[in-house]
Amino acid sequence: RFPIMPIAGLDQEPTRRARLVDITCDSDGEIAKFVAPEGARRALEV
């Protein structure tokens, strides 16, 4: 797991959650595990 977050707009509270997919033609090309104290969080606040 790598820490991931928006780099701007953080003066506003993120209200949605998302997982990330890349532009490769491969179903493994996604990130669905994010940093969290309770373990692997399955979505990122955006």
ModelCIF file with pLDDT and N, C-alpha, C, O atoms, coordinates in Angstrom:
data_MODEL
#
_entry.id   MODEL 
#
_entity.id                         1 
_entity.type                       polymer 
_entity.pdbx_number_of_molecules   1 
#
_entity_poly.entity_id                      1 
_entity_poly.type                           'polypeptide(L)' 
_entity_poly.nstd_linkage                   no 
_entity_poly.nstd_monomer                   no 
_entity_poly.pdbx_seq_one_letter_code       RFPIMPIAGLDQEPTRRARLVDITCDSDGEIAKFVAPEGARRALEV 
_entity_poly.pdbx_seq_one_letter_code_can   RFPIMPIAGLDQEPTRRARLVDITCDSDGEIAKFVAPEGARRALEV 
_entity_poly.pdbx_strand_id                 A 
#
loop_
_entity_poly_seq.entity_id 
_entity_poly_seq.num 
_entity_poly_seq.mon_id 
_entity_poly_seq.hetero 
1 1  ARG n 
1 2  PHE n 
1 3  PRO n 
1 4  ILE n 
1 5  MET n 
1 6  PRO n 
1 7  ILE n 
1 8  ALA n 
1 9  GLY n 
1 10 LEU n 
1 11 ASP n 
1 12 GLN n 
1 13 GLU n 
1 14 PRO n 
1 15 THR n 
1 16 ARG n 
1 17 ARG n 
1 18 ALA n 
1 19 ARG n 
1 20 LEU n 
1 21 VAL n 
1 22 ASP n 
1 23 ILE n 
1 24 THR n 
1 25 CYS n 
1 26 ASP n 
1 27 SER n 
1 28 ASP n 
1 29 GLY n 
1 30 GLU n 
1 31 ILE n 
1 32 ALA n 
1 33 LYS n 
1 34 PHE n 
1 35 VAL n 
1 36 ALA n 
1 37 PRO n 
1 38 GLU n 
1 39 GLY n 
1 40 ALA n 
1 41 ARG n 
1 42 ARG n 
1 43 ALA n 
1 44 LEU n 
1 45 GLU n 
1 46 VAL n 
#
_struct_asym.id          A 
_struct_asym.entity_id   1 
#
loop_
_ma_qa_metric.id 
_ma_qa_metric.mode 
_ma_qa_metric.name 
_ma_qa_metric.software_group_id 
_ma_qa_metric.type 
1 global pLDDT . pLDDT 
2 local  pLDDT . pLDDT 
#
_ma_qa_metric_global.metric_id      1 
_ma_qa_metric_global.metric_value   89.15 
_ma_qa_metric_global.model_id       1 
_ma_qa_metric_global.ordinal_id     1 
#
loop_
_ma_qa_metric_local.label_asym_id 
_ma_qa_metric_local.label_comp_id 
_ma_qa_metric_local.label_seq_id 
_ma_qa_metric_local.metric_id 
_ma_qa_metric_local.metric_value 
_ma_qa_metric_local.model_id 
_ma_qa_metric_local.ordinal_id 
A ARG 1  2 87.00 1 1  
A PHE 2  2 92.00 1 2  
A PRO 3  2 94.00 1 3  
A ILE 4  2 96.00 1 4  
A MET 5  2 97.00 1 5  
A PRO 6  2 97.00 1 6  
A ILE 7  2 97.00 1 7  
A ALA 8  2 95.00 1 8  
A GLY 9  2 94.00 1 9  
A LEU 10 2 95.00 1 10 
A ASP 11 2 94.00 1 11 
A GLN 12 2 93.00 1 12 
A GLU 13 2 94.00 1 13 
A PRO 14 2 94.00 1 14 
A THR 15 2 90.00 1 15 
A ARG 16 2 91.00 1 16 
A ARG 17 2 91.00 1 17 
A ALA 18 2 94.00 1 18 
A ARG 19 2 93.00 1 19 
A LEU 20 2 95.00 1 20 
A VAL 21 2 94.00 1 21 
A ASP 22 2 93.00 1 22 
A ILE 23 2 93.00 1 23 
A THR 24 2 93.00 1 24 
A CYS 25 2 90.00 1 25 
A ASP 26 2 87.00 1 26 
A SER 27 2 84.00 1 27 
A ASP 28 2 88.00 1 28 
A GLY 29 2 90.00 1 29 
A GLU 30 2 91.00 1 30 
A ILE 31 2 90.00 1 31 
A ALA 32 2 89.00 1 32 
A LYS 33 2 88.00 1 33 
A PHE 34 2 89.00 1 34 
A VAL 35 2 87.00 1 35 
A ALA 36 2 80.00 1 36 
A PRO 37 2 73.00 1 37 
A GLU 38 2 66.00 1 38 
A GLY 39 2 62.00 1 39 
A ALA 40 2 64.00 1 40 
A ARG 41 2 79.00 1 41 
A ARG 42 2 87.00 1 42 
A ALA 43 2 90.00 1 43 
A LEU 44 2 93.00 1 44 
A GLU 45 2 94.00 1 45 
A VAL 46 2 94.00 1 46 
#
loop_
_atom_site.group_PDB 
_atom_site.id 
_atom_site.type_symbol 
_atom_site.label_atom_id 
_atom_site.label_alt_id 
_atom_site.label_comp_id 
_atom_site.label_asym_id 
_atom_site.label_entity_id 
_atom_site.label_seq_id 
_atom_site.pdbx_PDB_ins_code 
_atom_site.Cartn_x 
_atom_site.Cartn_y 
_atom_site.Cartn_z 
_atom_site.occupancy 
_atom_site.B_iso_or_equiv 
_atom_site.pdbx_formal_charge 
_atom_site.auth_seq_id 
_atom_site.auth_comp_id 
_atom_site.auth_asym_id 
_atom_site.auth_atom_id 
_atom_site.pdbx_PDB_model_num 
ATOM 1   N N  . ARG A 1 1  ? 0.839   -1.189 0.000   1.00 87.00 ? 1  ARG A N  1 
ATOM 2   C CA . ARG A 1 1  ? 0.000   0.000  0.000   1.00 87.00 ? 1  ARG A CA 1 
ATOM 3   C C  . ARG A 1 1  ? 0.878   1.244  0.000   1.00 87.00 ? 1  ARG A C  1 
ATOM 4   O O  . ARG A 1 1  ? 1.854   1.327  0.746   1.00 87.00 ? 1  ARG A O  1 
ATOM 5   N N  . PHE A 1 2  ? 0.528   2.197  -0.832  1.00 92.00 ? 2  PHE A N  1 
ATOM 6   C CA . PHE A 1 2  ? 1.222   3.476  -0.865  1.00 92.00 ? 2  PHE A CA 1 
ATOM 7   C C  . PHE A 1 2  ? 0.235   4.571  -0.455  1.00 92.00 ? 2  PHE A C  1 
ATOM 8   O O  . PHE A 1 2  ? -0.934  4.520  -0.837  1.00 92.00 ? 2  PHE A O  1 
ATOM 9   N N  . PRO A 1 3  ? 0.692   5.557  0.317   1.00 94.00 ? 3  PRO A N  1 
ATOM 10  C CA . PRO A 1 3  ? -0.206  6.675  0.647   1.00 94.00 ? 3  PRO A CA 1 
ATOM 11  C C  . PRO A 1 3  ? -0.606  7.426  -0.617  1.00 94.00 ? 3  PRO A C  1 
ATOM 12  O O  . PRO A 1 3  ? 0.246   7.778  -1.433  1.00 94.00 ? 3  PRO A O  1 
ATOM 13  N N  . ILE A 1 4  ? -1.900  7.668  -0.776  1.00 96.00 ? 4  ILE A N  1 
ATOM 14  C CA . ILE A 1 4  ? -2.438  8.353  -1.951  1.00 96.00 ? 4  ILE A CA 1 
ATOM 15  C C  . ILE A 1 4  ? -3.442  9.395  -1.479  1.00 96.00 ? 4  ILE A C  1 
ATOM 16  O O  . ILE A 1 4  ? -4.234  9.134  -0.574  1.00 96.00 ? 4  ILE A O  1 
ATOM 17  N N  . MET A 1 5  ? -3.410  10.571 -2.088  1.00 97.00 ? 5  MET A N  1 
ATOM 18  C CA . MET A 1 5  ? -4.362  11.619 -1.725  1.00 97.00 ? 5  MET A CA 1 
ATOM 19  C C  . MET A 1 5  ? -4.406  12.678 -2.810  1.00 97.00 ? 5  MET A C  1 
ATOM 20  O O  . MET A 1 5  ? -3.468  12.783 -3.599  1.00 97.00 ? 5  MET A O  1 
ATOM 21  N N  . PRO A 1 6  ? -5.479  13.473 -2.871  1.00 97.00 ? 6  PRO A N  1 
ATOM 22  C CA . PRO A 1 6  ? -5.490  14.620 -3.785  1.00 97.00 ? 6  PRO A CA 1 
ATOM 23  C C  . PRO A 1 6  ? -4.396  15.599 -3.379  1.00 97.00 ? 6  PRO A C  1 
ATOM 24  O O  . PRO A 1 6  ? -4.083  15.727 -2.195  1.00 97.00 ? 6  PRO A O  1 
ATOM 25  N N  . ILE A 1 7  ? -3.814  16.291 -4.359  1.00 97.00 ? 7  ILE A N  1 
ATOM 26  C CA . ILE A 1 7  ? -2.732  17.228 -4.027  1.00 97.00 ? 7  ILE A CA 1 
ATOM 27  C C  . ILE A 1 7  ? -3.239  18.654 -3.892  1.00 97.00 ? 7  ILE A C  1 
ATOM 28  O O  . ILE A 1 7  ? -2.462  19.541 -3.542  1.00 97.00 ? 7  ILE A O  1 
ATOM 29  N N  . ALA A 1 8  ? -4.505  18.902 -4.155  1.00 95.00 ? 8  ALA A N  1 
ATOM 30  C CA . ALA A 1 8  ? -5.072  20.243 -4.044  1.00 95.00 ? 8  ALA A CA 1 
ATOM 31  C C  . ALA A 1 8  ? -6.548  20.122 -3.668  1.00 95.00 ? 8  ALA A C  1 
ATOM 32  O O  . ALA A 1 8  ? -7.121  19.033 -3.695  1.00 95.00 ? 8  ALA A O  1 
ATOM 33  N N  . GLY A 1 9  ? -7.155  21.266 -3.316  1.00 94.00 ? 9  GLY A N  1 
ATOM 34  C CA . GLY A 1 9  ? -8.565  21.285 -2.956  1.00 94.00 ? 9  GLY A CA 1 
ATOM 35  C C  . GLY A 1 9  ? -8.858  20.748 -1.578  1.00 94.00 ? 9  GLY A C  1 
ATOM 36  O O  . GLY A 1 9  ? -10.015 20.474 -1.261  1.00 94.00 ? 9  GLY A O  1 
ATOM 37  N N  . LEU A 1 10 ? -7.843  20.590 -0.746  1.00 95.00 ? 10 LEU A N  1 
ATOM 38  C CA . LEU A 1 10 ? -8.036  19.978 0.562   1.00 95.00 ? 10 LEU A CA 1 
ATOM 39  C C  . LEU A 1 10 ? -8.526  20.953 1.615   1.00 95.00 ? 10 LEU A C  1 
ATOM 40  O O  . LEU A 1 10 ? -8.655  20.597 2.786   1.00 95.00 ? 10 LEU A O  1 
ATOM 41  N N  . ASP A 1 11 ? -8.807  22.207 1.195   1.00 94.00 ? 11 ASP A N  1 
ATOM 42  C CA . ASP A 1 11 ? -9.515  23.126 2.075   1.00 94.00 ? 11 ASP A CA 1 
ATOM 43  C C  . ASP A 1 11 ? -11.004 22.809 2.102   1.00 94.00 ? 11 ASP A C  1 
ATOM 44  O O  . ASP A 1 11 ? -11.760 23.389 2.880   1.00 94.00 ? 11 ASP A O  1 
ATOM 45  N N  . GLN A 1 12 ? -11.422 21.861 1.224   1.00 93.00 ? 12 GLN A N  1 
ATOM 46  C CA . GLN A 1 12 ? -12.792 21.370 1.204   1.00 93.00 ? 12 GLN A CA 1 
ATOM 47  C C  . GLN A 1 12 ? -12.795 19.886 1.564   1.00 93.00 ? 12 GLN A C  1 
ATOM 48  O O  . GLN A 1 12 ? -11.910 19.137 1.150   1.00 93.00 ? 12 GLN A O  1 
ATOM 49  N N  . GLU A 1 13 ? -13.779 19.478 2.323   1.00 94.00 ? 13 GLU A N  1 
ATOM 50  C CA . GLU A 1 13 ? -13.843 18.084 2.755   1.00 94.00 ? 13 GLU A CA 1 
ATOM 51  C C  . GLU A 1 13 ? -14.205 17.168 1.589   1.00 94.00 ? 13 GLU A C  1 
ATOM 52  O O  . GLU A 1 13 ? -15.185 17.425 0.889   1.00 94.00 ? 13 GLU A O  1 
ATOM 53  N N  . PRO A 1 14 ? -13.443 16.118 1.370   1.00 94.00 ? 14 PRO A N  1 
ATOM 54  C CA . PRO A 1 14 ? -13.827 15.133 0.338   1.00 94.00 ? 14 PRO A CA 1 
ATOM 55  C C  . PRO A 1 14 ? -15.122 14.439 0.746   1.00 94.00 ? 14 PRO A C  1 
ATOM 56  O O  . PRO A 1 14 ? -15.281 14.025 1.894   1.00 94.00 ? 14 PRO A O  1 
ATOM 57  N N  . THR A 1 15 ? -16.021 14.319 -0.184  1.00 90.00 ? 15 THR A N  1 
ATOM 58  C CA . THR A 1 15 ? -17.339 13.768 0.136   1.00 90.00 ? 15 THR A CA 1 
ATOM 59  C C  . THR A 1 15 ? -17.632 12.446 -0.569  1.00 90.00 ? 15 THR A C  1 
ATOM 60  O O  . THR A 1 15 ? -18.674 11.835 -0.332  1.00 90.00 ? 15 THR A O  1 
ATOM 61  N N  . ARG A 1 16 ? -16.728 12.003 -1.426  1.00 91.00 ? 16 ARG A N  1 
ATOM 62  C CA . ARG A 1 16 ? -16.961 10.749 -2.136  1.00 91.00 ? 16 ARG A CA 1 
ATOM 63  C C  . ARG A 1 16 ? -15.815 9.789  -1.859  1.00 91.00 ? 16 ARG A C  1 
ATOM 64  O O  . ARG A 1 16 ? -14.761 10.181 -1.359  1.00 91.00 ? 16 ARG A O  1 
ATOM 65  N N  . ARG A 1 17 ? -16.044 8.527  -2.193  1.00 91.00 ? 17 ARG A N  1 
ATOM 66  C CA . ARG A 1 17 ? -15.023 7.506  -2.033  1.00 91.00 ? 17 ARG A CA 1 
ATOM 67  C C  . ARG A 1 17 ? -14.845 6.806  -3.369  1.00 91.00 ? 17 ARG A C  1 
ATOM 68  O O  . ARG A 1 17 ? -15.798 6.652  -4.133  1.00 91.00 ? 17 ARG A O  1 
ATOM 69  N N  . ALA A 1 18 ? -13.617 6.385  -3.646  1.00 94.00 ? 18 ALA A N  1 
ATOM 70  C CA . ALA A 1 18 ? -13.350 5.806  -4.968  1.00 94.00 ? 18 ALA A CA 1 
ATOM 71  C C  . ALA A 1 18 ? -12.208 4.816  -4.891  1.00 94.00 ? 18 ALA A C  1 
ATOM 72  O O  . ALA A 1 18 ? -11.380 4.851  -3.980  1.00 94.00 ? 18 ALA A O  1 
ATOM 73  N N  . ARG A 1 19 ? -12.190 3.934  -5.873  1.00 93.00 ? 19 ARG A N  1 
ATOM 74  C CA . ARG A 1 19 ? -10.995 3.140  -6.118  1.00 93.00 ? 19 ARG A CA 1 
ATOM 75  C C  . ARG A 1 19 ? -10.415 3.630  -7.448  1.00 93.00 ? 19 ARG A C  1 
ATOM 76  O O  . ARG A 1 19 ? -11.107 4.272  -8.238  1.00 93.00 ? 19 ARG A O  1 
ATOM 77  N N  . LEU A 1 20 ? -9.155  3.324  -7.680  1.00 95.00 ? 20 LEU A N  1 
ATOM 78  C CA . LEU A 1 20 ? -8.448  3.883  -8.827  1.00 95.00 ? 20 LEU A CA 1 
ATOM 79  C C  . LEU A 1 20 ? -8.166  2.793  -9.845  1.00 95.00 ? 20 LEU A C  1 
ATOM 80  O O  . LEU A 1 20 ? -7.778  1.682  -9.484  1.00 95.00 ? 20 LEU A O  1 
ATOM 81  N N  . VAL A 1 21 ? -8.360  3.108  -11.110 1.00 94.00 ? 21 VAL A N  1 
ATOM 82  C CA . VAL A 1 21 ? -7.980  2.190  -12.180 1.00 94.00 ? 21 VAL A CA 1 
ATOM 83  C C  . VAL A 1 21 ? -7.036  2.921  -13.123 1.00 94.00 ? 21 VAL A C  1 
ATOM 84  O O  . VAL A 1 21 ? -7.171  4.123  -13.352 1.00 94.00 ? 21 VAL A O  1 
ATOM 85  N N  . ASP A 1 22 ? -6.077  2.175  -13.666 1.00 93.00 ? 22 ASP A N  1 
ATOM 86  C CA . ASP A 1 22 ? -5.113  2.791  -14.571 1.00 93.00 ? 22 ASP A CA 1 
ATOM 87  C C  . ASP A 1 22 ? -5.569  2.599  -16.016 1.00 93.00 ? 22 ASP A C  1 
ATOM 88  O O  . ASP A 1 22 ? -6.663  2.094  -16.271 1.00 93.00 ? 22 ASP A O  1 
ATOM 89  N N  . ILE A 1 23 ? -4.717  3.007  -16.957 1.00 93.00 ? 23 ILE A N  1 
ATOM 90  C CA . ILE A 1 23 ? -5.119  2.969  -18.372 1.00 93.00 ? 23 ILE A CA 1 
ATOM 91  C C  . ILE A 1 23 ? -4.578  1.747  -19.102 1.00 93.00 ? 23 ILE A C  1 
ATOM 92  O O  . ILE A 1 23 ? -4.623  1.698  -20.331 1.00 93.00 ? 23 ILE A O  1 
ATOM 93  N N  . THR A 1 24 ? -4.070  0.762  -18.371 1.00 93.00 ? 24 THR A N  1 
ATOM 94  C CA . THR A 1 24 ? -3.615  -0.460 -19.028 1.00 93.00 ? 24 THR A CA 1 
ATOM 95  C C  . THR A 1 24 ? -4.807  -1.343 -19.367 1.00 93.00 ? 24 THR A C  1 
ATOM 96  O O  . THR A 1 24 ? -5.877  -1.222 -18.770 1.00 93.00 ? 24 THR A O  1 
ATOM 97  N N  . CYS A 1 25 ? -4.610  -2.212 -20.315 1.00 90.00 ? 25 CYS A N  1 
ATOM 98  C CA . CYS A 1 25 ? -5.651  -3.179 -20.684 1.00 90.00 ? 25 CYS A CA 1 
ATOM 99  C C  . CYS A 1 25 ? -5.498  -4.430 -19.837 1.00 90.00 ? 25 CYS A C  1 
ATOM 100 O O  . CYS A 1 25 ? -5.281  -5.521 -20.365 1.00 90.00 ? 25 CYS A O  1 
ATOM 101 N N  . ASP A 1 26 ? -5.610  -4.272 -18.520 1.00 87.00 ? 26 ASP A N  1 
ATOM 102 C CA . ASP A 1 26 ? -5.396  -5.381 -17.602 1.00 87.00 ? 26 ASP A CA 1 
ATOM 103 C C  . ASP A 1 26 ? -6.250  -5.146 -16.372 1.00 87.00 ? 26 ASP A C  1 
ATOM 104 O O  . ASP A 1 26 ? -6.205  -4.067 -15.782 1.00 87.00 ? 26 ASP A O  1 
ATOM 105 N N  . SER A 1 27 ? -7.028  -6.147 -15.977 1.00 84.00 ? 27 SER A N  1 
ATOM 106 C CA . SER A 1 27 ? -7.898  -5.990 -14.819 1.00 84.00 ? 27 SER A CA 1 
ATOM 107 C C  . SER A 1 27 ? -7.114  -5.823 -13.521 1.00 84.00 ? 27 SER A C  1 
ATOM 108 O O  . SER A 1 27 ? -7.658  -5.322 -12.537 1.00 84.00 ? 27 SER A O  1 
ATOM 109 N N  . ASP A 1 28 ? -5.849  -6.233 -13.501 1.00 88.00 ? 28 ASP A N  1 
ATOM 110 C CA . ASP A 1 28 ? -5.015  -6.020 -12.320 1.00 88.00 ? 28 ASP A CA 1 
ATOM 111 C C  . ASP A 1 28 ? -4.552  -4.572 -12.197 1.00 88.00 ? 28 ASP A C  1 
ATOM 112 O O  . ASP A 1 28 ? -3.968  -4.194 -11.182 1.00 88.00 ? 28 ASP A O  1 
ATOM 113 N N  . GLY A 1 29 ? -4.803  -3.775 -13.203 1.00 90.00 ? 29 GLY A N  1 
ATOM 114 C CA . GLY A 1 29 ? -4.348  -2.391 -13.184 1.00 90.00 ? 29 GLY A CA 1 
ATOM 115 C C  . GLY A 1 29 ? -5.270  -1.497 -12.389 1.00 90.00 ? 29 GLY A C  1 
ATOM 116 O O  . GLY A 1 29 ? -5.860  -0.565 -12.936 1.00 90.00 ? 29 GLY A O  1 
ATOM 117 N N  . GLU A 1 30 ? -5.399  -1.768 -11.118 1.00 91.00 ? 30 GLU A N  1 
ATOM 118 C CA . GLU A 1 30 ? -6.232  -0.946 -10.255 1.00 91.00 ? 30 GLU A CA 1 
ATOM 119 C C  . GLU A 1 30 ? -5.620  -0.863 -8.869  1.00 91.00 ? 30 GLU A C  1 
ATOM 120 O O  . GLU A 1 30 ? -4.777  -1.679 -8.494  1.00 91.00 ? 30 GLU A O  1 
ATOM 121 N N  . ILE A 1 31 ? -6.055  0.132  -8.118  1.00 90.00 ? 31 ILE A N  1 
ATOM 122 C CA . ILE A 1 31 ? -5.662  0.273  -6.718  1.00 90.00 ? 31 ILE A CA 1 
ATOM 123 C C  . ILE A 1 31 ? -6.941  0.297  -5.899  1.00 90.00 ? 31 ILE A C  1 
ATOM 124 O O  . ILE A 1 31 ? -7.771  1.194  -6.045  1.00 90.00 ? 31 ILE A O  1 
ATOM 125 N N  . ALA A 1 32 ? -7.088  -0.691 -5.044  1.00 89.00 ? 32 ALA A N  1 
ATOM 126 C CA . ALA A 1 32 ? -8.286  -0.792 -4.214  1.00 89.00 ? 32 ALA A CA 1 
ATOM 127 C C  . ALA A 1 32 ? -7.930  -1.097 -2.765  1.00 89.00 ? 32 ALA A C  1 
ATOM 128 O O  . ALA A 1 32 ? -8.756  -1.598 -2.003  1.00 89.00 ? 32 ALA A O  1 
ATOM 129 N N  . LYS A 1 33 ? -6.686  -0.789 -2.395  1.00 88.00 ? 33 LYS A N  1 
ATOM 130 C CA . LYS A 1 33 ? -6.249  -0.931 -1.001  1.00 88.00 ? 33 LYS A CA 1 
ATOM 131 C C  . LYS A 1 33 ? -5.527  0.347  -0.627  1.00 88.00 ? 33 LYS A C  1 
ATOM 132 O O  . LYS A 1 33 ? -4.554  0.736  -1.273  1.00 88.00 ? 33 LYS A O  1 
ATOM 133 N N  . PHE A 1 34 ? -6.011  1.000  0.425   1.00 89.00 ? 34 PHE A N  1 
ATOM 134 C CA . PHE A 1 34 ? -5.488  2.302  0.793   1.00 89.00 ? 34 PHE A CA 1 
ATOM 135 C C  . PHE A 1 34 ? -5.118  2.332  2.269   1.00 89.00 ? 34 PHE A C  1 
ATOM 136 O O  . PHE A 1 34 ? -5.595  1.525  3.067   1.00 89.00 ? 34 PHE A O  1 
ATOM 137 N N  . VAL A 1 35 ? -4.270  3.266  2.606   1.00 87.00 ? 35 VAL A N  1 
ATOM 138 C CA . VAL A 1 35 ? -3.739  3.386  3.957   1.00 87.00 ? 35 VAL A CA 1 
ATOM 139 C C  . VAL A 1 35 ? -4.866  3.684  4.939   1.00 87.00 ? 35 VAL A C  1 
ATOM 140 O O  . VAL A 1 35 ? -5.701  4.554  4.692   1.00 87.00 ? 35 VAL A O  1 
ATOM 141 N N  . ALA A 1 36 ? -4.885  2.958  6.053   1.00 80.00 ? 36 ALA A N  1 
ATOM 142 C CA . ALA A 1 36 ? -5.868  3.192  7.103   1.00 80.00 ? 36 ALA A CA 1 
ATOM 143 C C  . ALA A 1 36 ? -5.391  2.518  8.387   1.00 80.00 ? 36 ALA A C  1 
ATOM 144 O O  . ALA A 1 36 ? -4.773  1.455  8.325   1.00 80.00 ? 36 ALA A O  1 
ATOM 145 N N  . PRO A 1 37 ? -5.666  3.122  9.561   1.00 73.00 ? 37 PRO A N  1 
ATOM 146 C CA . PRO A 1 37 ? -5.230  2.507  10.819  1.00 73.00 ? 37 PRO A CA 1 
ATOM 147 C C  . PRO A 1 37 ? -5.820  1.131  11.053  1.00 73.00 ? 37 PRO A C  1 
ATOM 148 O O  . PRO A 1 37 ? -5.188  0.272  11.668  1.00 73.00 ? 37 PRO A O  1 
ATOM 149 N N  . GLU A 1 38 ? -7.052  0.918  10.553  1.00 66.00 ? 38 GLU A N  1 
ATOM 150 C CA . GLU A 1 38 ? -7.701  -0.368 10.796  1.00 66.00 ? 38 GLU A CA 1 
ATOM 151 C C  . GLU A 1 38 ? -7.293  -1.432 9.794   1.00 66.00 ? 38 GLU A C  1 
ATOM 152 O O  . GLU A 1 38 ? -7.822  -2.542 9.833   1.00 66.00 ? 38 GLU A O  1 
ATOM 153 N N  . GLY A 1 39 ? -6.368  -1.122 8.901   1.00 62.00 ? 39 GLY A N  1 
ATOM 154 C CA . GLY A 1 39 ? -5.925  -2.076 7.904   1.00 62.00 ? 39 GLY A CA 1 
ATOM 155 C C  . GLY A 1 39 ? -6.209  -1.556 6.511   1.00 62.00 ? 39 GLY A C  1 
ATOM 156 O O  . GLY A 1 39 ? -6.224  -0.347 6.280   1.00 62.00 ? 39 GLY A O  1 
ATOM 157 N N  . ALA A 1 40 ? -6.433  -2.468 5.588   1.00 64.00 ? 40 ALA A N  1 
ATOM 158 C CA . ALA A 1 40 ? -6.608  -2.083 4.190   1.00 64.00 ? 40 ALA A CA 1 
ATOM 159 C C  . ALA A 1 40 ? -7.978  -1.452 3.977   1.00 64.00 ? 40 ALA A C  1 
ATOM 160 O O  . ALA A 1 40 ? -9.001  -2.129 4.068   1.00 64.00 ? 40 ALA A O  1 
ATOM 161 N N  . ARG A 1 41 ? -7.994  -0.158 3.695   1.00 79.00 ? 41 ARG A N  1 
ATOM 162 C CA . ARG A 1 41 ? -9.228  0.513  3.314   1.00 79.00 ? 41 ARG A CA 1 
ATOM 163 C C  . ARG A 1 41 ? -9.463  0.276  1.832   1.00 79.00 ? 41 ARG A C  1 
ATOM 164 O O  . ARG A 1 41 ? -8.529  0.351  1.033   1.00 79.00 ? 41 ARG A O  1 
ATOM 165 N N  . ARG A 1 42 ? -10.705 -0.009 1.462   1.00 87.00 ? 42 ARG A N  1 
ATOM 166 C CA . ARG A 1 42 ? -10.999 -0.427 0.099   1.00 87.00 ? 42 ARG A CA 1 
ATOM 167 C C  . ARG A 1 42 ? -11.369 0.734  -0.823  1.00 87.00 ? 42 ARG A C  1 
ATOM 168 O O  . ARG A 1 42 ? -11.619 0.513  -2.008  1.00 87.00 ? 42 ARG A O  1 
ATOM 169 N N  . ALA A 1 43 ? -11.409 1.948  -0.315  1.00 90.00 ? 43 ALA A N  1 
ATOM 170 C CA . ALA A 1 43 ? -11.726 3.099  -1.155  1.00 90.00 ? 43 ALA A CA 1 
ATOM 171 C C  . ALA A 1 43 ? -11.028 4.327  -0.584  1.00 90.00 ? 43 ALA A C  1 
ATOM 172 O O  . ALA A 1 43 ? -10.711 4.392  0.604   1.00 90.00 ? 43 ALA A O  1 
ATOM 173 N N  . LEU A 1 44 ? -10.799 5.289  -1.456  1.00 93.00 ? 44 LEU A N  1 
ATOM 174 C CA . LEU A 1 44 ? -10.084 6.515  -1.111  1.00 93.00 ? 44 LEU A CA 1 
ATOM 175 C C  . LEU A 1 44 ? -11.063 7.678  -1.077  1.00 93.00 ? 44 LEU A C  1 
ATOM 176 O O  . LEU A 1 44 ? -11.930 7.790  -1.944  1.00 93.00 ? 44 LEU A O  1 
ATOM 177 N N  . GLU A 1 45 ? -10.928 8.544  -0.079  1.00 94.00 ? 45 GLU A N  1 
ATOM 178 C CA . GLU A 1 45 ? -11.754 9.738  0.005   1.00 94.00 ? 45 GLU A CA 1 
ATOM 179 C C  . GLU A 1 45 ? -11.313 10.741 -1.060  1.00 94.00 ? 45 GLU A C  1 
ATOM 180 O O  . GLU A 1 45 ? -10.142 11.118 -1.117  1.00 94.00 ? 45 GLU A O  1 
ATOM 181 N N  . VAL A 1 46 ? -12.244 11.167 -1.894  1.00 94.00 ? 46 VAL A N  1 
ATOM 182 C CA . VAL A 1 46 ? -11.949 12.125 -2.965  1.00 94.00 ? 46 VAL A CA 1 
ATOM 183 C C  . VAL A 1 46 ? -13.076 13.148 -3.015  1.00 94.00 ? 46 VAL A C  1 
ATOM 184 O O  . VAL A 1 46 ? -13.047 14.058 -3.843  1.00 94.00 ? 46 VAL A O  1 
#
